[in-house]
Amino acid sequence: MIVMAQTKIPANIFNKYPGKRVAIVNGRVIASSLNATVVYKQAKAKYPHKKVSIFAVPRREDKYLLV
């Protein structure tokens, strides 16, 4: 069973963290890195009992494929 949760993404995330992975808890970025595993471990160390969302922030030059 897959459970998808809706996460509030901060507005300035695209300008501040392009090309990085970020951990979001309660609508706030709490960790960022190029490595998703590092971000997850940092987030769980800070908030062990909260649900952590990992988001890959696209760079401005990245192209989107719409299917």
N, C-alpha and C. Protein backbone atom coordinates (compact mmCIF):
# COMPACT_ATOMS: atom_id res chain seq x y z
N MET A 1 0.85 -1.18 0.00
CA MET A 1 0.00 0.00 0.00
C MET A 1 0.89 1.24 0.00
N ILE A 2 0.60 2.17 -0.88
CA ILE A 2 1.34 3.42 -0.96
C ILE A 2 0.48 4.53 -0.38
N VAL A 3 1.05 5.28 0.54
CA VAL A 3 0.34 6.41 1.14
C VAL A 3 1.04 7.68 0.68
N MET A 4 0.30 8.54 0.05
CA MET A 4 0.86 9.81 -0.41
C MET A 4 0.31 10.93 0.45
N ALA A 5 1.20 11.72 1.00
CA ALA A 5 0.79 12.83 1.84
C ALA A 5 1.01 14.13 1.09
N GLN A 6 0.15 15.08 1.36
CA GLN A 6 0.30 16.39 0.75
C GLN A 6 1.26 17.20 1.61
N THR A 7 2.28 17.78 0.98
CA THR A 7 3.29 18.55 1.69
C THR A 7 3.27 19.99 1.19
N LYS A 8 3.27 20.91 2.13
CA LYS A 8 3.32 22.32 1.77
C LYS A 8 4.77 22.66 1.44
N ILE A 9 5.02 23.13 0.20
CA ILE A 9 6.36 23.46 -0.25
C ILE A 9 6.57 24.97 -0.16
N PRO A 10 7.61 25.42 0.53
CA PRO A 10 7.87 26.86 0.64
C PRO A 10 8.08 27.51 -0.73
N ALA A 11 7.65 28.76 -0.89
CA ALA A 11 7.70 29.45 -2.17
C ALA A 11 9.12 29.73 -2.65
N ASN A 12 10.04 30.03 -1.74
CA ASN A 12 11.39 30.42 -2.14
C ASN A 12 12.33 29.23 -2.36
N ILE A 13 11.81 28.02 -2.31
CA ILE A 13 12.65 26.83 -2.41
C ILE A 13 13.36 26.72 -3.76
N PHE A 14 12.71 27.19 -4.83
CA PHE A 14 13.29 27.06 -6.17
C PHE A 14 14.45 28.02 -6.39
N ASN A 15 14.43 29.15 -5.74
CA ASN A 15 15.53 30.11 -5.86
C ASN A 15 16.67 29.80 -4.90
N LYS A 16 16.35 29.25 -3.76
CA LYS A 16 17.34 29.05 -2.70
C LYS A 16 18.09 27.72 -2.79
N TYR A 17 17.45 26.66 -3.31
CA TYR A 17 18.05 25.31 -3.30
C TYR A 17 18.04 24.63 -4.67
N PRO A 18 18.40 25.30 -5.77
CA PRO A 18 18.33 24.64 -7.08
C PRO A 18 19.32 23.48 -7.19
N GLY A 19 18.83 22.34 -7.69
CA GLY A 19 19.68 21.17 -7.90
C GLY A 19 19.96 20.36 -6.66
N LYS A 20 19.34 20.70 -5.54
CA LYS A 20 19.59 19.97 -4.28
C LYS A 20 18.37 19.16 -3.87
N ARG A 21 18.60 18.29 -2.90
CA ARG A 21 17.51 17.55 -2.25
C ARG A 21 17.25 18.24 -0.92
N VAL A 22 16.00 18.45 -0.59
CA VAL A 22 15.67 19.12 0.66
C VAL A 22 14.70 18.25 1.46
N ALA A 23 14.79 18.37 2.78
CA ALA A 23 13.86 17.70 3.68
C ALA A 23 12.91 18.76 4.20
N ILE A 24 11.61 18.47 4.12
CA ILE A 24 10.59 19.41 4.56
C ILE A 24 9.78 18.77 5.67
N VAL A 25 9.64 19.53 6.77
CA VAL A 25 8.81 19.12 7.89
C VAL A 25 7.96 20.33 8.27
N ASN A 26 6.65 20.12 8.31
CA ASN A 26 5.71 21.19 8.68
C ASN A 26 5.87 22.43 7.79
N GLY A 27 6.13 22.24 6.50
CA GLY A 27 6.24 23.35 5.57
C GLY A 27 7.53 24.14 5.65
N ARG A 28 8.53 23.62 6.37
CA ARG A 28 9.83 24.29 6.49
C ARG A 28 10.94 23.38 6.01
N VAL A 29 11.92 23.96 5.32
CA VAL A 29 13.10 23.20 4.91
C VAL A 29 14.01 23.07 6.13
N ILE A 30 14.32 21.83 6.50
CA ILE A 30 15.14 21.62 7.69
C ILE A 30 16.52 21.05 7.38
N ALA A 31 16.72 20.58 6.13
CA ALA A 31 18.03 20.06 5.72
C ALA A 31 18.11 20.11 4.20
N SER A 32 19.34 20.32 3.69
CA SER A 32 19.55 20.30 2.24
C SER A 32 20.93 19.75 1.93
N SER A 33 21.02 19.05 0.80
CA SER A 33 22.28 18.47 0.35
C SER A 33 22.08 17.97 -1.07
N LEU A 34 23.15 17.56 -1.72
CA LEU A 34 23.05 16.94 -3.04
C LEU A 34 22.65 15.47 -2.92
N ASN A 35 22.78 14.90 -1.72
CA ASN A 35 22.51 13.49 -1.48
C ASN A 35 21.24 13.33 -0.65
N ALA A 36 20.25 12.61 -1.17
CA ALA A 36 18.98 12.43 -0.49
C ALA A 36 19.12 11.64 0.82
N THR A 37 20.05 10.68 0.85
CA THR A 37 20.25 9.88 2.07
C THR A 37 20.76 10.75 3.21
N VAL A 38 21.69 11.63 2.90
CA VAL A 38 22.24 12.54 3.92
C VAL A 38 21.14 13.45 4.45
N VAL A 39 20.32 13.96 3.55
CA VAL A 39 19.22 14.86 3.94
C VAL A 39 18.24 14.13 4.86
N TYR A 40 17.89 12.90 4.50
CA TYR A 40 16.95 12.14 5.32
C TYR A 40 17.50 11.86 6.72
N LYS A 41 18.76 11.47 6.79
CA LYS A 41 19.38 11.19 8.10
C LYS A 41 19.45 12.44 8.97
N GLN A 42 19.80 13.59 8.37
CA GLN A 42 19.83 14.85 9.13
C GLN A 42 18.45 15.21 9.64
N ALA A 43 17.44 15.05 8.78
CA ALA A 43 16.07 15.39 9.16
C ALA A 43 15.57 14.50 10.28
N LYS A 44 15.83 13.20 10.19
CA LYS A 44 15.37 12.28 11.23
C LYS A 44 16.12 12.49 12.55
N ALA A 45 17.35 12.96 12.47
CA ALA A 45 18.10 13.27 13.70
C ALA A 45 17.48 14.47 14.41
N LYS A 46 17.01 15.44 13.65
CA LYS A 46 16.40 16.65 14.23
C LYS A 46 14.96 16.40 14.67
N TYR A 47 14.21 15.66 13.86
CA TYR A 47 12.78 15.42 14.12
C TYR A 47 12.48 13.93 14.00
N PRO A 48 12.86 13.13 14.99
CA PRO A 48 12.71 11.67 14.87
C PRO A 48 11.26 11.18 14.79
N HIS A 49 10.31 11.93 15.33
CA HIS A 49 8.92 11.45 15.38
C HIS A 49 8.02 12.16 14.37
N LYS A 50 8.60 12.97 13.49
CA LYS A 50 7.81 13.69 12.49
C LYS A 50 7.92 12.99 11.14
N LYS A 51 6.94 13.22 10.28
CA LYS A 51 6.98 12.70 8.93
C LYS A 51 7.83 13.65 8.09
N VAL A 52 8.85 13.12 7.42
CA VAL A 52 9.79 13.91 6.63
C VAL A 52 9.49 13.69 5.15
N SER A 53 9.40 14.79 4.40
CA SER A 53 9.23 14.71 2.95
C SER A 53 10.54 15.14 2.30
N ILE A 54 11.02 14.34 1.35
CA ILE A 54 12.23 14.66 0.61
C ILE A 54 11.81 15.14 -0.77
N PHE A 55 12.36 16.26 -1.18
CA PHE A 55 11.98 16.88 -2.44
C PHE A 55 13.23 17.22 -3.24
N ALA A 56 13.26 16.82 -4.51
CA ALA A 56 14.37 17.17 -5.40
C ALA A 56 14.01 18.48 -6.10
N VAL A 57 14.76 19.53 -5.83
CA VAL A 57 14.48 20.84 -6.40
C VAL A 57 15.13 20.93 -7.78
N PRO A 58 14.33 21.18 -8.81
CA PRO A 58 14.91 21.27 -10.15
C PRO A 58 15.72 22.55 -10.34
N ARG A 59 16.73 22.46 -11.21
CA ARG A 59 17.50 23.65 -11.56
C ARG A 59 16.74 24.39 -12.65
N ARG A 60 17.06 25.65 -12.83
CA ARG A 60 16.38 26.47 -13.82
C ARG A 60 16.56 25.90 -15.24
N GLU A 61 17.75 25.33 -15.52
CA GLU A 61 18.03 24.82 -16.86
C GLU A 61 17.48 23.41 -17.10
N ASP A 62 16.94 22.77 -16.07
CA ASP A 62 16.35 21.44 -16.25
C ASP A 62 15.10 21.54 -17.10
N LYS A 63 14.91 20.58 -17.97
CA LYS A 63 13.73 20.54 -18.85
C LYS A 63 12.70 19.59 -18.25
N TYR A 64 11.46 19.88 -18.46
CA TYR A 64 10.38 19.05 -17.95
C TYR A 64 9.77 18.27 -19.11
N LEU A 65 9.46 17.05 -18.86
CA LEU A 65 8.82 16.21 -19.86
C LEU A 65 7.38 16.00 -19.42
N LEU A 66 6.47 16.46 -20.24
CA LEU A 66 5.05 16.30 -19.95
C LEU A 66 4.52 15.16 -20.80
N VAL A 67 3.93 14.19 -20.14
CA VAL A 67 3.41 13.03 -20.85
C VAL A 67 1.91 13.02 -20.74
